[in-house]
N, C-alpha and C. Protein backbone atom coordinates (compact mmCIF):
# COMPACT_ATOMS: atom_id res chain seq x y z
N MET A 1 4.33 18.78 -58.34
CA MET A 1 4.20 19.67 -57.22
C MET A 1 2.83 20.35 -57.31
N SER A 2 2.12 20.35 -56.23
CA SER A 2 0.80 20.96 -56.20
C SER A 2 0.92 22.48 -56.17
N ASP A 3 -0.18 23.15 -56.48
CA ASP A 3 -0.18 24.61 -56.43
C ASP A 3 0.11 25.13 -55.03
N SER A 4 -0.42 24.46 -54.02
CA SER A 4 -0.18 24.92 -52.65
C SER A 4 1.28 24.73 -52.25
N GLU A 5 1.91 23.66 -52.70
CA GLU A 5 3.34 23.45 -52.43
C GLU A 5 4.18 24.49 -53.15
N ALA A 6 3.80 24.80 -54.40
CA ALA A 6 4.52 25.82 -55.17
C ALA A 6 4.40 27.18 -54.51
N LEU A 7 3.20 27.50 -54.03
CA LEU A 7 2.99 28.78 -53.35
C LEU A 7 3.79 28.86 -52.05
N ALA A 8 3.84 27.76 -51.31
CA ALA A 8 4.62 27.74 -50.06
C ALA A 8 6.10 27.96 -50.36
N LEU A 9 6.61 27.29 -51.38
CA LEU A 9 8.01 27.45 -51.76
C LEU A 9 8.28 28.90 -52.18
N TYR A 10 7.39 29.46 -52.96
CA TYR A 10 7.51 30.85 -53.40
C TYR A 10 7.52 31.79 -52.20
N SER A 11 6.61 31.57 -51.27
CA SER A 11 6.50 32.43 -50.09
C SER A 11 7.78 32.40 -49.26
N ILE A 12 8.36 31.24 -49.13
CA ILE A 12 9.60 31.09 -48.35
C ILE A 12 10.76 31.84 -49.01
N HIS A 13 10.84 31.78 -50.32
CA HIS A 13 12.00 32.32 -51.05
C HIS A 13 11.77 33.69 -51.68
N ARG A 14 10.58 34.24 -51.58
CA ARG A 14 10.22 35.46 -52.30
C ARG A 14 11.21 36.61 -52.08
N GLU A 15 11.49 36.95 -50.85
CA GLU A 15 12.38 38.09 -50.57
C GLU A 15 13.78 37.87 -51.13
N LYS A 16 14.29 36.66 -50.97
CA LYS A 16 15.64 36.36 -51.50
C LYS A 16 15.64 36.38 -53.02
N LEU A 17 14.55 35.91 -53.63
CA LEU A 17 14.45 35.94 -55.09
C LEU A 17 14.42 37.38 -55.60
N ILE A 18 13.71 38.24 -54.91
CA ILE A 18 13.68 39.66 -55.30
C ILE A 18 15.07 40.27 -55.18
N GLY A 19 15.76 39.96 -54.10
CA GLY A 19 17.12 40.46 -53.94
C GLY A 19 18.05 39.94 -55.02
N TYR A 20 17.89 38.68 -55.38
CA TYR A 20 18.70 38.05 -56.42
C TYR A 20 18.44 38.75 -57.77
N ALA A 21 17.18 38.95 -58.09
CA ALA A 21 16.83 39.62 -59.35
C ALA A 21 17.30 41.07 -59.34
N ASN A 22 17.18 41.72 -58.19
CA ASN A 22 17.57 43.12 -58.09
C ASN A 22 19.07 43.31 -58.31
N LYS A 23 19.87 42.34 -57.90
CA LYS A 23 21.32 42.42 -58.15
C LYS A 23 21.62 42.40 -59.64
N ILE A 24 20.75 41.75 -60.41
CA ILE A 24 20.96 41.66 -61.86
C ILE A 24 20.42 42.89 -62.58
N VAL A 25 19.18 43.28 -62.25
CA VAL A 25 18.53 44.35 -63.01
C VAL A 25 18.69 45.73 -62.39
N ARG A 26 19.08 45.80 -61.12
CA ARG A 26 19.29 47.07 -60.42
C ARG A 26 18.04 47.97 -60.42
N ASP A 27 16.88 47.32 -60.25
CA ASP A 27 15.61 48.05 -60.19
C ASP A 27 14.65 47.20 -59.37
N SER A 28 14.32 47.69 -58.18
CA SER A 28 13.52 46.87 -57.26
C SER A 28 12.12 46.58 -57.79
N TYR A 29 11.51 47.54 -58.48
CA TYR A 29 10.17 47.30 -59.04
C TYR A 29 10.22 46.25 -60.14
N ARG A 30 11.21 46.35 -60.99
CA ARG A 30 11.38 45.37 -62.06
C ARG A 30 11.70 44.00 -61.48
N ALA A 31 12.50 43.97 -60.43
CA ALA A 31 12.85 42.70 -59.78
C ALA A 31 11.59 42.01 -59.24
N GLU A 32 10.70 42.78 -58.63
CA GLU A 32 9.45 42.20 -58.13
C GLU A 32 8.61 41.63 -59.26
N ASP A 33 8.54 42.34 -60.37
CA ASP A 33 7.79 41.85 -61.54
C ASP A 33 8.40 40.56 -62.07
N ILE A 34 9.71 40.51 -62.12
CA ILE A 34 10.42 39.32 -62.60
C ILE A 34 10.10 38.12 -61.72
N VAL A 35 10.13 38.32 -60.42
CA VAL A 35 9.87 37.22 -59.48
C VAL A 35 8.43 36.73 -59.62
N GLN A 36 7.49 37.65 -59.80
CA GLN A 36 6.10 37.24 -60.00
C GLN A 36 5.95 36.46 -61.30
N ASP A 37 6.58 36.93 -62.37
CA ASP A 37 6.54 36.20 -63.64
C ASP A 37 7.19 34.83 -63.50
N ALA A 38 8.28 34.77 -62.76
CA ALA A 38 8.97 33.50 -62.55
C ALA A 38 8.06 32.50 -61.83
N PHE A 39 7.33 32.98 -60.85
CA PHE A 39 6.42 32.09 -60.13
C PHE A 39 5.36 31.52 -61.07
N LEU A 40 4.81 32.36 -61.94
CA LEU A 40 3.80 31.88 -62.88
C LEU A 40 4.37 30.82 -63.81
N LYS A 41 5.57 31.04 -64.30
CA LYS A 41 6.22 30.06 -65.16
C LYS A 41 6.53 28.78 -64.39
N PHE A 42 6.99 28.95 -63.16
CA PHE A 42 7.32 27.81 -62.31
C PHE A 42 6.08 26.95 -62.05
N ARG A 43 4.97 27.60 -61.77
CA ARG A 43 3.73 26.88 -61.47
C ARG A 43 3.23 26.10 -62.67
N LYS A 44 3.43 26.62 -63.86
CA LYS A 44 2.97 25.96 -65.08
C LYS A 44 3.91 24.84 -65.53
N ALA A 45 5.15 24.90 -65.10
CA ALA A 45 6.17 23.95 -65.57
C ALA A 45 5.91 22.55 -65.04
N LYS A 46 6.14 21.60 -65.88
CA LYS A 46 6.05 20.19 -65.50
C LYS A 46 7.36 19.52 -65.94
N ARG A 47 8.40 19.80 -65.19
CA ARG A 47 9.73 19.31 -65.57
C ARG A 47 10.33 18.50 -64.45
N SER A 48 11.20 17.59 -64.80
CA SER A 48 11.85 16.77 -63.78
C SER A 48 12.78 17.61 -62.90
N ALA A 49 13.38 18.65 -63.44
CA ALA A 49 14.27 19.50 -62.64
C ALA A 49 13.49 20.16 -61.50
N GLU A 50 12.24 20.48 -61.78
CA GLU A 50 11.40 21.09 -60.76
C GLU A 50 11.19 20.13 -59.60
N GLU A 51 11.02 18.86 -59.89
CA GLU A 51 10.77 17.88 -58.85
C GLU A 51 12.03 17.59 -58.03
N ASP A 52 13.18 17.57 -58.67
CA ASP A 52 14.42 17.25 -57.98
C ASP A 52 14.90 18.39 -57.08
N HIS A 53 14.88 19.59 -57.61
CA HIS A 53 15.38 20.77 -56.89
C HIS A 53 14.49 21.97 -57.22
N PRO A 54 13.31 22.01 -56.66
CA PRO A 54 12.37 23.06 -57.07
C PRO A 54 12.85 24.48 -56.77
N SER A 55 13.53 24.70 -55.66
CA SER A 55 13.99 26.06 -55.37
C SER A 55 15.09 26.49 -56.35
N ALA A 56 15.97 25.57 -56.70
CA ALA A 56 17.02 25.88 -57.67
C ALA A 56 16.41 26.20 -59.04
N TYR A 57 15.37 25.46 -59.39
CA TYR A 57 14.68 25.70 -60.66
C TYR A 57 14.02 27.08 -60.65
N LEU A 58 13.43 27.46 -59.54
CA LEU A 58 12.80 28.77 -59.42
C LEU A 58 13.85 29.88 -59.55
N TYR A 59 14.99 29.72 -58.91
CA TYR A 59 16.07 30.70 -59.04
C TYR A 59 16.56 30.79 -60.48
N ARG A 60 16.63 29.67 -61.17
CA ARG A 60 17.08 29.69 -62.56
C ARG A 60 16.10 30.45 -63.44
N ILE A 61 14.81 30.27 -63.19
CA ILE A 61 13.81 31.01 -63.96
C ILE A 61 13.98 32.51 -63.72
N VAL A 62 14.16 32.89 -62.46
CA VAL A 62 14.37 34.31 -62.13
C VAL A 62 15.60 34.85 -62.86
N ARG A 63 16.68 34.11 -62.81
CA ARG A 63 17.91 34.56 -63.48
C ARG A 63 17.69 34.74 -64.98
N ASN A 64 17.06 33.75 -65.60
CA ASN A 64 16.82 33.83 -67.04
C ASN A 64 15.95 35.02 -67.41
N LEU A 65 14.92 35.26 -66.64
CA LEU A 65 14.05 36.41 -66.90
C LEU A 65 14.78 37.73 -66.68
N ALA A 66 15.61 37.79 -65.67
CA ALA A 66 16.35 39.00 -65.36
C ALA A 66 17.37 39.34 -66.44
N LEU A 67 17.96 38.32 -67.01
CA LEU A 67 18.96 38.56 -68.05
C LEU A 67 18.28 38.94 -69.35
């Protein structure tokens, strides 16, 4: 996945990802930080899961960071 494709996917899901993280951490500022960190990890990742279901992989990164 190219950087521009990753950014487009992030842009589409950003608000929902923040809401998802916020449900776990109960802190909107921390949730935003988690989502930004998740995007950086997602962009660096070169995994087959990313290629098959990139949005699901991004949500999993957010969940793992939030926990």
